[in-house]
Amino acid sequence: GEQTLFLLQMLGEVANADAVAAQKQKLD
């Protein structure tokens, strides 16, 4: 209608630096 709605989905916690490095290695 005249209203704006927002659907918020919490996908997960922001990882720390070690977790980011490990994830990058897997992604590579």
mmCIF file of all heavy atoms, coordinates in Angstrom:
data_MODEL
# 
_entry.id   MODEL 
# 
loop_
_atom_site.group_PDB 
_atom_site.id 
_atom_site.type_symbol 
_atom_site.label_atom_id 
_atom_site.label_alt_id 
_atom_site.label_comp_id 
_atom_site.label_asym_id 
_atom_site.label_entity_id 
_atom_site.label_seq_id 
_atom_site.pdbx_PDB_ins_code 
_atom_site.Cartn_x 
_atom_site.Cartn_y 
_atom_site.Cartn_z 
_atom_site.occupancy 
_atom_site.B_iso_or_equiv 
_atom_site.pdbx_formal_charge 
_atom_site.auth_seq_id 
_atom_site.auth_comp_id 
_atom_site.auth_asym_id 
_atom_site.auth_atom_id 
_atom_site.pdbx_PDB_model_num 
ATOM 1   N N   . GLY A 1 1  ? 0.837  -1.189  0.000  1.00 0.00 ? 1  GLY A N   1 
ATOM 2   C CA  . GLY A 1 1  ? 0.000  0.000   0.000  1.00 0.00 ? 1  GLY A CA  1 
ATOM 3   C C   . GLY A 1 1  ? 0.872  1.239   0.000  1.00 0.00 ? 1  GLY A C   1 
ATOM 4   O O   . GLY A 1 1  ? 1.764  1.390   -0.835 1.00 0.00 ? 1  GLY A O   1 
ATOM 5   N N   . GLU A 1 2  ? 0.639  2.129   0.965  1.00 0.00 ? 2  GLU A N   1 
ATOM 6   C CA  . GLU A 1 2  ? 1.440  3.352   1.077  1.00 0.00 ? 2  GLU A CA  1 
ATOM 7   C C   . GLU A 1 2  ? 2.636  3.161   1.994  1.00 0.00 ? 2  GLU A C   1 
ATOM 8   O O   . GLU A 1 2  ? 3.430  4.077   2.187  1.00 0.00 ? 2  GLU A O   1 
ATOM 9   C CB  . GLU A 1 2  ? 0.557  4.498   1.619  1.00 0.00 ? 2  GLU A CB  1 
ATOM 10  C CG  . GLU A 1 2  ? -0.615 4.861   0.725  1.00 0.00 ? 2  GLU A CG  1 
ATOM 11  C CD  . GLU A 1 2  ? -0.143 5.400   -0.624 1.00 0.00 ? 2  GLU A CD  1 
ATOM 12  O OE1 . GLU A 1 2  ? 0.846  6.150   -0.654 1.00 0.00 ? 2  GLU A OE1 1 
ATOM 13  O OE2 . GLU A 1 2  ? -0.765 5.049   -1.635 1.00 0.00 ? 2  GLU A OE2 1 
ATOM 14  N N   . GLN A 1 3  ? 2.774  1.986   2.562  1.00 0.00 ? 3  GLN A N   1 
ATOM 15  C CA  . GLN A 1 3  ? 3.783  1.753   3.586  1.00 0.00 ? 3  GLN A CA  1 
ATOM 16  C C   . GLN A 1 3  ? 4.978  0.975   3.032  1.00 0.00 ? 3  GLN A C   1 
ATOM 17  O O   . GLN A 1 3  ? 4.825  0.117   2.178  1.00 0.00 ? 3  GLN A O   1 
ATOM 18  C CB  . GLN A 1 3  ? 3.145  0.957   4.736  1.00 0.00 ? 3  GLN A CB  1 
ATOM 19  C CG  . GLN A 1 3  ? 3.956  0.967   6.023  1.00 0.00 ? 3  GLN A CG  1 
ATOM 20  C CD  . GLN A 1 3  ? 3.205  0.289   7.145  1.00 0.00 ? 3  GLN A CD  1 
ATOM 21  O OE1 . GLN A 1 3  ? 2.446  -0.641  6.913  1.00 0.00 ? 3  GLN A OE1 1 
ATOM 22  N NE2 . GLN A 1 3  ? 3.407  0.738   8.377  1.00 0.00 ? 3  GLN A NE2 1 
ATOM 23  N N   . THR A 1 4  ? 6.175  1.324   3.526  1.00 0.00 ? 4  THR A N   1 
ATOM 24  C CA  . THR A 1 4  ? 7.382  0.579   3.196  1.00 0.00 ? 4  THR A CA  1 
ATOM 25  C C   . THR A 1 4  ? 7.679  -0.404  4.318  1.00 0.00 ? 4  THR A C   1 
ATOM 26  O O   . THR A 1 4  ? 7.705  -0.036  5.490  1.00 0.00 ? 4  THR A O   1 
ATOM 27  C CB  . THR A 1 4  ? 8.587  1.515   3.006  1.00 0.00 ? 4  THR A CB  1 
ATOM 28  O OG1 . THR A 1 4  ? 8.306  2.446   1.966  1.00 0.00 ? 4  THR A OG1 1 
ATOM 29  C CG2 . THR A 1 4  ? 9.832  0.730   2.635  1.00 0.00 ? 4  THR A CG2 1 
ATOM 30  N N   . LEU A 1 5  ? 7.883  -1.668  3.944  1.00 0.00 ? 5  LEU A N   1 
ATOM 31  C CA  . LEU A 1 5  ? 8.216  -2.698  4.918  1.00 0.00 ? 5  LEU A CA  1 
ATOM 32  C C   . LEU A 1 5  ? 9.624  -3.227  4.653  1.00 0.00 ? 5  LEU A C   1 
ATOM 33  O O   . LEU A 1 5  ? 10.096 -3.194  3.521  1.00 0.00 ? 5  LEU A O   1 
ATOM 34  C CB  . LEU A 1 5  ? 7.211  -3.856  4.847  1.00 0.00 ? 5  LEU A CB  1 
ATOM 35  C CG  . LEU A 1 5  ? 5.742  -3.511  5.090  1.00 0.00 ? 5  LEU A CG  1 
ATOM 36  C CD1 . LEU A 1 5  ? 4.894  -4.779  5.040  1.00 0.00 ? 5  LEU A CD1 1 
ATOM 37  C CD2 . LEU A 1 5  ? 5.549  -2.802  6.417  1.00 0.00 ? 5  LEU A CD2 1 
ATOM 38  N N   . PHE A 1 6  ? 10.268 -3.711  5.722  1.00 0.00 ? 6  PHE A N   1 
ATOM 39  C CA  . PHE A 1 6  ? 11.629 -4.222  5.613  1.00 0.00 ? 6  PHE A CA  1 
ATOM 40  C C   . PHE A 1 6  ? 11.676 -5.639  6.166  1.00 0.00 ? 6  PHE A C   1 
ATOM 41  O O   . PHE A 1 6  ? 11.221 -5.887  7.290  1.00 0.00 ? 6  PHE A O   1 
ATOM 42  C CB  . PHE A 1 6  ? 12.612 -3.339  6.388  1.00 0.00 ? 6  PHE A CB  1 
ATOM 43  C CG  . PHE A 1 6  ? 12.582 -1.894  5.987  1.00 0.00 ? 6  PHE A CG  1 
ATOM 44  C CD1 . PHE A 1 6  ? 11.770 -0.983  6.658  1.00 0.00 ? 6  PHE A CD1 1 
ATOM 45  C CD2 . PHE A 1 6  ? 13.344 -1.446  4.920  1.00 0.00 ? 6  PHE A CD2 1 
ATOM 46  C CE1 . PHE A 1 6  ? 11.733 0.340   6.280  1.00 0.00 ? 6  PHE A CE1 1 
ATOM 47  C CE2 . PHE A 1 6  ? 13.313 -0.116  4.538  1.00 0.00 ? 6  PHE A CE2 1 
ATOM 48  C CZ  . PHE A 1 6  ? 12.506 0.773   5.214  1.00 0.00 ? 6  PHE A CZ  1 
ATOM 49  N N   . LEU A 1 7  ? 12.208 -6.562  5.383  1.00 0.00 ? 7  LEU A N   1 
ATOM 50  C CA  . LEU A 1 7  ? 12.419 -7.936  5.821  1.00 0.00 ? 7  LEU A CA  1 
ATOM 51  C C   . LEU A 1 7  ? 13.896 -8.068  6.190  1.00 0.00 ? 7  LEU A C   1 
ATOM 52  O O   . LEU A 1 7  ? 14.770 -7.932  5.329  1.00 0.00 ? 7  LEU A O   1 
ATOM 53  C CB  . LEU A 1 7  ? 12.047 -8.924  4.719  1.00 0.00 ? 7  LEU A CB  1 
ATOM 54  C CG  . LEU A 1 7  ? 12.000 -10.394 5.108  1.00 0.00 ? 7  LEU A CG  1 
ATOM 55  C CD1 . LEU A 1 7  ? 10.823 -10.667 6.038  1.00 0.00 ? 7  LEU A CD1 1 
ATOM 56  C CD2 . LEU A 1 7  ? 11.897 -11.279 3.872  1.00 0.00 ? 7  LEU A CD2 1 
ATOM 57  N N   . LEU A 1 8  ? 14.173 -8.303  7.473  1.00 0.00 ? 8  LEU A N   1 
ATOM 58  C CA  . LEU A 1 8  ? 15.541 -8.390  7.971  1.00 0.00 ? 8  LEU A CA  1 
ATOM 59  C C   . LEU A 1 8  ? 15.866 -9.842  8.287  1.00 0.00 ? 8  LEU A C   1 
ATOM 60  O O   . LEU A 1 8  ? 15.176 -10.474 9.107  1.00 0.00 ? 8  LEU A O   1 
ATOM 61  C CB  . LEU A 1 8  ? 15.723 -7.539  9.231  1.00 0.00 ? 8  LEU A CB  1 
ATOM 62  C CG  . LEU A 1 8  ? 15.264 -6.067  9.168  1.00 0.00 ? 8  LEU A CG  1 
ATOM 63  C CD1 . LEU A 1 8  ? 15.580 -5.365  10.478 1.00 0.00 ? 8  LEU A CD1 1 
ATOM 64  C CD2 . LEU A 1 8  ? 15.925 -5.349  8.016  1.00 0.00 ? 8  LEU A CD2 1 
ATOM 65  N N   . GLN A 1 9  ? 16.888 -10.380 7.636  1.00 0.00 ? 9  GLN A N   1 
ATOM 66  C CA  . GLN A 1 9  ? 17.314 -11.747 7.891  1.00 0.00 ? 9  GLN A CA  1 
ATOM 67  C C   . GLN A 1 9  ? 18.735 -11.730 8.451  1.00 0.00 ? 9  GLN A C   1 
ATOM 68  O O   . GLN A 1 9  ? 19.654 -11.239 7.791  1.00 0.00 ? 9  GLN A O   1 
ATOM 69  C CB  . GLN A 1 9  ? 17.287 -12.577 6.605  1.00 0.00 ? 9  GLN A CB  1 
ATOM 70  C CG  . GLN A 1 9  ? 15.916 -12.643 5.944  1.00 0.00 ? 9  GLN A CG  1 
ATOM 71  C CD  . GLN A 1 9  ? 15.911 -13.631 4.797  1.00 0.00 ? 9  GLN A CD  1 
ATOM 72  O OE1 . GLN A 1 9  ? 16.163 -14.818 4.969  1.00 0.00 ? 9  GLN A OE1 1 
ATOM 73  N NE2 . GLN A 1 9  ? 15.615 -13.147 3.596  1.00 0.00 ? 9  GLN A NE2 1 
ATOM 74  N N   . MET A 1 10 ? 18.911 -12.246 9.660  1.00 0.00 ? 10 MET A N   1 
ATOM 75  C CA  . MET A 1 10 ? 20.213 -12.273 10.308 1.00 0.00 ? 10 MET A CA  1 
ATOM 76  C C   . MET A 1 10 ? 20.968 -13.513 9.838  1.00 0.00 ? 10 MET A C   1 
ATOM 77  O O   . MET A 1 10 ? 20.650 -14.641 10.237 1.00 0.00 ? 10 MET A O   1 
ATOM 78  C CB  . MET A 1 10 ? 20.072 -12.282 11.836 1.00 0.00 ? 10 MET A CB  1 
ATOM 79  C CG  . MET A 1 10 ? 19.590 -10.959 12.421 1.00 0.00 ? 10 MET A CG  1 
ATOM 80  S SD  . MET A 1 10 ? 17.917 -10.494 11.902 1.00 0.00 ? 10 MET A SD  1 
ATOM 81  C CE  . MET A 1 10 ? 17.674 -9.003  12.817 1.00 0.00 ? 10 MET A CE  1 
ATOM 82  N N   . LEU A 1 11 ? 21.982 -13.303 8.993  1.00 0.00 ? 11 LEU A N   1 
ATOM 83  C CA  . LEU A 1 11 ? 22.651 -14.420 8.335  1.00 0.00 ? 11 LEU A CA  1 
ATOM 84  C C   . LEU A 1 11 ? 23.756 -15.047 9.171  1.00 0.00 ? 11 LEU A C   1 
ATOM 85  O O   . LEU A 1 11 ? 24.211 -16.135 8.877  1.00 0.00 ? 11 LEU A O   1 
ATOM 86  C CB  . LEU A 1 11 ? 23.219 -13.953 6.990  1.00 0.00 ? 11 LEU A CB  1 
ATOM 87  C CG  . LEU A 1 11 ? 22.192 -13.355 6.022  1.00 0.00 ? 11 LEU A CG  1 
ATOM 88  C CD1 . LEU A 1 11 ? 22.876 -12.931 4.738  1.00 0.00 ? 11 LEU A CD1 1 
ATOM 89  C CD2 . LEU A 1 11 ? 21.087 -14.359 5.723  1.00 0.00 ? 11 LEU A CD2 1 
ATOM 90  N N   . GLY A 1 12 ? 24.212 -14.348 10.191 1.00 0.00 ? 12 GLY A N   1 
ATOM 91  C CA  . GLY A 1 12 ? 25.263 -14.934 11.029 1.00 0.00 ? 12 GLY A CA  1 
ATOM 92  C C   . GLY A 1 12 ? 26.139 -13.858 11.653 1.00 0.00 ? 12 GLY A C   1 
ATOM 93  O O   . GLY A 1 12 ? 26.110 -12.689 11.250 1.00 0.00 ? 12 GLY A O   1 
ATOM 94  N N   . GLU A 1 13 ? 26.905 -14.252 12.644 1.00 0.00 ? 13 GLU A N   1 
ATOM 95  C CA  . GLU A 1 13 ? 27.805 -13.316 13.311 1.00 0.00 ? 13 GLU A CA  1 
ATOM 96  C C   . GLU A 1 13 ? 28.967 -12.946 12.398 1.00 0.00 ? 13 GLU A C   1 
ATOM 97  O O   . GLU A 1 13 ? 29.415 -13.754 11.579 1.00 0.00 ? 13 GLU A O   1 
ATOM 98  C CB  . GLU A 1 13 ? 28.362 -13.921 14.599 1.00 0.00 ? 13 GLU A CB  1 
ATOM 99  C CG  . GLU A 1 13 ? 27.302 -14.173 15.666 1.00 0.00 ? 13 GLU A CG  1 
ATOM 100 C CD  . GLU A 1 13 ? 27.916 -14.670 16.955 1.00 0.00 ? 13 GLU A CD  1 
ATOM 101 O OE1 . GLU A 1 13 ? 28.987 -14.151 17.341 1.00 0.00 ? 13 GLU A OE1 1 
ATOM 102 O OE2 . GLU A 1 13 ? 27.332 -15.568 17.585 1.00 0.00 ? 13 GLU A OE2 1 
ATOM 103 N N   . VAL A 1 14 ? 29.433 -11.716 12.543 1.00 0.00 ? 14 VAL A N   1 
ATOM 104 C CA  . VAL A 1 14 ? 30.616 -11.274 11.802 1.00 0.00 ? 14 VAL A CA  1 
ATOM 105 C C   . VAL A 1 14 ? 31.830 -12.002 12.376 1.00 0.00 ? 14 VAL A C   1 
ATOM 106 O O   . VAL A 1 14 ? 32.091 -11.952 13.589 1.00 0.00 ? 14 VAL A O   1 
ATOM 107 C CB  . VAL A 1 14 ? 30.797 -9.748  11.916 1.00 0.00 ? 14 VAL A CB  1 
ATOM 108 C CG1 . VAL A 1 14 ? 32.068 -9.315  11.205 1.00 0.00 ? 14 VAL A CG1 1 
ATOM 109 C CG2 . VAL A 1 14 ? 29.594 -9.042  11.310 1.00 0.00 ? 14 VAL A CG2 1 
ATOM 110 N N   . ALA A 1 15 ? 32.550 -12.721 11.527 1.00 0.00 ? 15 ALA A N   1 
ATOM 111 C CA  . ALA A 1 15 ? 33.648 -13.571 11.998 1.00 0.00 ? 15 ALA A CA  1 
ATOM 112 C C   . ALA A 1 15 ? 34.872 -12.753 12.401 1.00 0.00 ? 15 ALA A C   1 
ATOM 113 O O   . ALA A 1 15 ? 35.064 -11.627 11.939 1.00 0.00 ? 15 ALA A O   1 
ATOM 114 C CB  . ALA A 1 15 ? 34.035 -14.558 10.903 1.00 0.00 ? 15 ALA A CB  1 
ATOM 115 N N   . ASN A 1 16 ? 35.717 -13.343 13.253 1.00 0.00 ? 16 ASN A N   1 
ATOM 116 C CA  . ASN A 1 16 ? 36.961 -12.685 13.627 1.00 0.00 ? 16 ASN A CA  1 
ATOM 117 C C   . ASN A 1 16 ? 38.007 -12.880 12.535 1.00 0.00 ? 16 ASN A C   1 
ATOM 118 O O   . ASN A 1 16 ? 37.768 -13.575 11.547 1.00 0.00 ? 16 ASN A O   1 
ATOM 119 C CB  . ASN A 1 16 ? 37.466 -13.217 14.980 1.00 0.00 ? 16 ASN A CB  1 
ATOM 120 C CG  . ASN A 1 16 ? 37.668 -14.723 14.961 1.00 0.00 ? 16 ASN A CG  1 
ATOM 121 O OD1 . ASN A 1 16 ? 38.115 -15.271 13.945 1.00 0.00 ? 16 ASN A OD1 1 
ATOM 122 N ND2 . ASN A 1 16 ? 37.331 -15.390 16.057 1.00 0.00 ? 16 ASN A ND2 1 
ATOM 123 N N   . ALA A 1 17 ? 39.179 -12.294 12.720 1.00 0.00 ? 17 ALA A N   1 
ATOM 124 C CA  . ALA A 1 17 ? 40.205 -12.283 11.669 1.00 0.00 ? 17 ALA A CA  1 
ATOM 125 C C   . ALA A 1 17 ? 40.662 -13.693 11.293 1.00 0.00 ? 17 ALA A C   1 
ATOM 126 O O   . ALA A 1 17 ? 40.856 -13.997 10.118 1.00 0.00 ? 17 ALA A O   1 
ATOM 127 C CB  . ALA A 1 17 ? 41.397 -11.443 12.115 1.00 0.00 ? 17 ALA A CB  1 
ATOM 128 N N   . ASP A 1 18 ? 40.838 -14.579 12.309 1.00 0.00 ? 18 ASP A N   1 
ATOM 129 C CA  . ASP A 1 18 ? 41.283 -15.943 12.010 1.00 0.00 ? 18 ASP A CA  1 
ATOM 130 C C   . ASP A 1 18 ? 40.244 -16.692 11.195 1.00 0.00 ? 18 ASP A C   1 
ATOM 131 O O   . ASP A 1 18 ? 40.575 -17.418 10.251 1.00 0.00 ? 18 ASP A O   1 
ATOM 132 C CB  . ASP A 1 18 ? 41.560 -16.695 13.317 1.00 0.00 ? 18 ASP A CB  1 
ATOM 133 C CG  . ASP A 1 18 ? 42.787 -16.153 14.033 1.00 0.00 ? 18 ASP A CG  1 
ATOM 134 O OD1 . ASP A 1 18 ? 43.629 -15.520 13.347 1.00 0.00 ? 18 ASP A OD1 1 
ATOM 135 O OD2 . ASP A 1 18 ? 42.896 -16.364 15.254 1.00 0.00 ? 18 ASP A OD2 1 
ATOM 136 N N   . ALA A 1 19 ? 38.983 -16.510 11.569 1.00 0.00 ? 19 ALA A N   1 
ATOM 137 C CA  . ALA A 1 19 ? 37.914 -17.191 10.838 1.00 0.00 ? 19 ALA A CA  1 
ATOM 138 C C   . ALA A 1 19 ? 37.811 -16.669 9.413  1.00 0.00 ? 19 ALA A C   1 
ATOM 139 O O   . ALA A 1 19 ? 37.566 -17.422 8.471  1.00 0.00 ? 19 ALA A O   1 
ATOM 140 C CB  . ALA A 1 19 ? 36.581 -17.006 11.564 1.00 0.00 ? 19 ALA A CB  1 
ATOM 141 N N   . VAL A 1 20 ? 38.024 -15.351 9.256  1.00 0.00 ? 20 VAL A N   1 
ATOM 142 C CA  . VAL A 1 20 ? 37.979 -14.764 7.909  1.00 0.00 ? 20 VAL A CA  1 
ATOM 143 C C   . VAL A 1 20 ? 39.084 -15.336 7.033  1.00 0.00 ? 20 VAL A C   1 
ATOM 144 O O   . VAL A 1 20 ? 38.869 -15.668 5.866  1.00 0.00 ? 20 VAL A O   1 
ATOM 145 C CB  . VAL A 1 20 ? 38.099 -13.221 7.989  1.00 0.00 ? 20 VAL A CB  1 
ATOM 146 C CG1 . VAL A 1 20 ? 38.320 -12.627 6.598  1.00 0.00 ? 20 VAL A CG1 1 
ATOM 147 C CG2 . VAL A 1 20 ? 36.848 -12.626 8.616  1.00 0.00 ? 20 VAL A CG2 1 
ATOM 148 N N   . ALA A 1 21 ? 40.301 -15.479 7.606  1.00 0.00 ? 21 ALA A N   1 
ATOM 149 C CA  . ALA A 1 21 ? 41.422 -16.021 6.839  1.00 0.00 ? 21 ALA A CA  1 
ATOM 150 C C   . ALA A 1 21 ? 41.151 -17.464 6.419  1.00 0.00 ? 21 ALA A C   1 
ATOM 151 O O   . ALA A 1 21 ? 41.438 -17.858 5.284  1.00 0.00 ? 21 ALA A O   1 
ATOM 152 C CB  . ALA A 1 21 ? 42.699 -15.931 7.674  1.00 0.00 ? 21 ALA A CB  1 
ATOM 153 N N   . ALA A 1 22 ? 40.599 -18.256 7.357  1.00 0.00 ? 22 ALA A N   1 
ATOM 154 C CA  . ALA A 1 22 ? 40.290 -19.648 7.035  1.00 0.00 ? 22 ALA A CA  1 
ATOM 155 C C   . ALA A 1 22 ? 39.213 -19.733 5.952  1.00 0.00 ? 22 ALA A C   1 
ATOM 156 O O   . ALA A 1 22 ? 39.294 -20.556 5.037  1.00 0.00 ? 22 ALA A O   1 
ATOM 157 C CB  . ALA A 1 22 ? 39.827 -20.376 8.294  1.00 0.00 ? 22 ALA A CB  1 
ATOM 158 N N   . GLN A 1 23 ? 38.212 -18.852 6.083  1.00 0.00 ? 23 GLN A N   1 
ATOM 159 C CA  . GLN A 1 23 ? 37.137 -18.844 5.081  1.00 0.00 ? 23 GLN A CA  1 
ATOM 160 C C   . GLN A 1 23 ? 37.672 -18.437 3.713  1.00 0.00 ? 23 GLN A C   1 
ATOM 161 O O   . GLN A 1 23 ? 37.277 -18.990 2.683  1.00 0.00 ? 23 GLN A O   1 
ATOM 162 C CB  . GLN A 1 23 ? 36.027 -17.881 5.521  1.00 0.00 ? 23 GLN A CB  1 
ATOM 163 C CG  . GLN A 1 23 ? 34.810 -17.857 4.604  1.00 0.00 ? 23 GLN A CG  1 
ATOM 164 C CD  . GLN A 1 23 ? 34.067 -19.174 4.607  1.00 0.00 ? 23 GLN A CD  1 
ATOM 165 O OE1 . GLN A 1 23 ? 34.185 -19.955 5.538  1.00 0.00 ? 23 GLN A OE1 1 
ATOM 166 N NE2 . GLN A 1 23 ? 33.315 -19.440 3.555  1.00 0.00 ? 23 GLN A NE2 1 
ATOM 167 N N   . LYS A 1 24 ? 38.604 -17.458 3.679  1.00 0.00 ? 24 LYS A N   1 
ATOM 168 C CA  . LYS A 1 24 ? 39.179 -17.022 2.408  1.00 0.00 ? 24 LYS A CA  1 
ATOM 169 C C   . LYS A 1 24 ? 39.950 -18.148 1.742  1.00 0.00 ? 24 LYS A C   1 
ATOM 170 O O   . LYS A 1 24 ? 39.891 -18.326 0.529  1.00 0.00 ? 24 LYS A O   1 
ATOM 171 C CB  . LYS A 1 24 ? 40.101 -15.825 2.626  1.00 0.00 ? 24 LYS A CB  1 
ATOM 172 C CG  . LYS A 1 24 ? 40.676 -15.252 1.330  1.00 0.00 ? 24 LYS A CG  1 
ATOM 173 C CD  . LYS A 1 24 ? 41.553 -14.057 1.590  1.00 0.00 ? 24 LYS A CD  1 
ATOM 174 C CE  . LYS A 1 24 ? 42.037 -13.467 0.271  1.00 0.00 ? 24 LYS A CE  1 
ATOM 175 N NZ  . LYS A 1 24 ? 42.750 -14.403 -0.593 1.00 0.00 ? 24 LYS A NZ  1 
ATOM 176 N N   . GLN A 1 25 ? 40.673 -18.942 2.553  1.00 0.00 ? 25 GLN A N   1 
ATOM 177 C CA  . GLN A 1 25 ? 41.420 -20.061 1.993  1.00 0.00 ? 25 GLN A CA  1 
ATOM 178 C C   . GLN A 1 25 ? 40.476 -21.080 1.355  1.00 0.00 ? 25 GLN A C   1 
ATOM 179 O O   . GLN A 1 25 ? 40.728 -21.592 0.260  1.00 0.00 ? 25 GLN A O   1 
ATOM 180 C CB  . GLN A 1 25 ? 42.252 -20.718 3.088  1.00 0.00 ? 25 GLN A CB  1 
ATOM 181 C CG  . GLN A 1 25 ? 43.194 -21.808 2.557  1.00 0.00 ? 25 GLN A CG  1 
ATOM 182 C CD  . GLN A 1 25 ? 44.073 -22.374 3.652  1.00 0.00 ? 25 GLN A CD  1 
ATOM 183 O OE1 . GLN A 1 25 ? 43.775 -22.242 4.828  1.00 0.00 ? 25 GLN A OE1 1 
ATOM 184 N NE2 . GLN A 1 25 ? 45.161 -23.008 3.268  1.00 0.00 ? 25 GLN A NE2 1 
ATOM 185 N N   . LYS A 1 26 ? 39.367 -21.372 2.045  1.00 0.00 ? 26 LYS A N   1 
ATOM 186 C CA  . LYS A 1 26 ? 38.381 -22.292 1.489  1.00 0.00 ? 26 LYS A CA  1 
ATOM 187 C C   . LYS A 1 26 ? 37.789 -21.736 0.195  1.00 0.00 ? 26 LYS A C   1 
ATOM 188 O O   . LYS A 1 26 ? 37.582 -22.456 -0.790 1.00 0.00 ? 26 LYS A O   1 
ATOM 189 C CB  . LYS A 1 26 ? 37.258 -22.543 2.502  1.00 0.00 ? 26 LYS A CB  1 
ATOM 190 C CG  . LYS A 1 26 ? 37.690 -23.309 3.744  1.00 0.00 ? 26 LYS A CG  1 
ATOM 191 C CD  . LYS A 1 26 ? 36.514 -23.464 4.710  1.00 0.00 ? 26 LYS A CD  1 
ATOM 192 C CE  . LYS A 1 26 ? 36.943 -24.173 5.983  1.00 0.00 ? 26 LYS A CE  1 
ATOM 193 N NZ  . LYS A 1 26 ? 35.811 -24.266 6.955  1.00 0.00 ? 26 LYS A NZ  1 
ATOM 194 N N   . LEU A 1 27 ? 37.488 -20.425 0.207  1.00 0.00 ? 27 LEU A N   1 
ATOM 195 C CA  . LEU A 1 27 ? 36.893 -19.801 -0.971 1.00 0.00 ? 27 LEU A CA  1 
ATOM 196 C C   . LEU A 1 27 ? 37.848 -19.822 -2.147 1.00 0.00 ? 27 LEU A C   1 
ATOM 197 O O   . LEU A 1 27 ? 37.443 -20.073 -3.291 1.00 0.00 ? 27 LEU A O   1 
ATOM 198 C CB  . LEU A 1 27 ? 36.481 -18.354 -0.650 1.00 0.00 ? 27 LEU A CB  1 
ATOM 199 C CG  . LEU A 1 27 ? 35.814 -17.567 -1.783 1.00 0.00 ? 27 LEU A CG  1 
ATOM 200 C CD1 . LEU A 1 27 ? 34.545 -18.264 -2.245 1.00 0.00 ? 27 LEU A CD1 1 
ATOM 201 C CD2 . LEU A 1 27 ? 35.518 -16.145 -1.346 1.00 0.00 ? 27 LEU A CD2 1 
ATOM 202 N N   . ASP A 1 28 ? 39.139 -19.572 -1.889 1.00 0.00 ? 28 ASP A N   1 
ATOM 203 C CA  . ASP A 1 28 ? 40.129 -19.607 -2.968 1.00 0.00 ? 28 ASP A CA  1 
ATOM 204 C C   . ASP A 1 28 ? 40.178 -20.987 -3.628 1.00 0.00 ? 28 ASP A C   1 
ATOM 205 O O   . ASP A 1 28 ? 40.284 -21.104 -4.853 1.00 0.00 ? 28 ASP A O   1 
ATOM 206 C CB  . ASP A 1 28 ? 41.518 -19.235 -2.432 1.00 0.00 ? 28 ASP A CB  1 
ATOM 207 C CG  . ASP A 1 28 ? 41.634 -17.751 -2.123 1.00 0.00 ? 28 ASP A CG  1 
ATOM 208 O OD1 . ASP A 1 28 ? 40.789 -16.984 -2.631 1.00 0.00 ? 28 ASP A OD1 1 
ATOM 209 O OD2 . ASP A 1 28 ? 42.550 -17.374 -1.373 1.00 0.00 ? 28 ASP A OD2 1 
# 
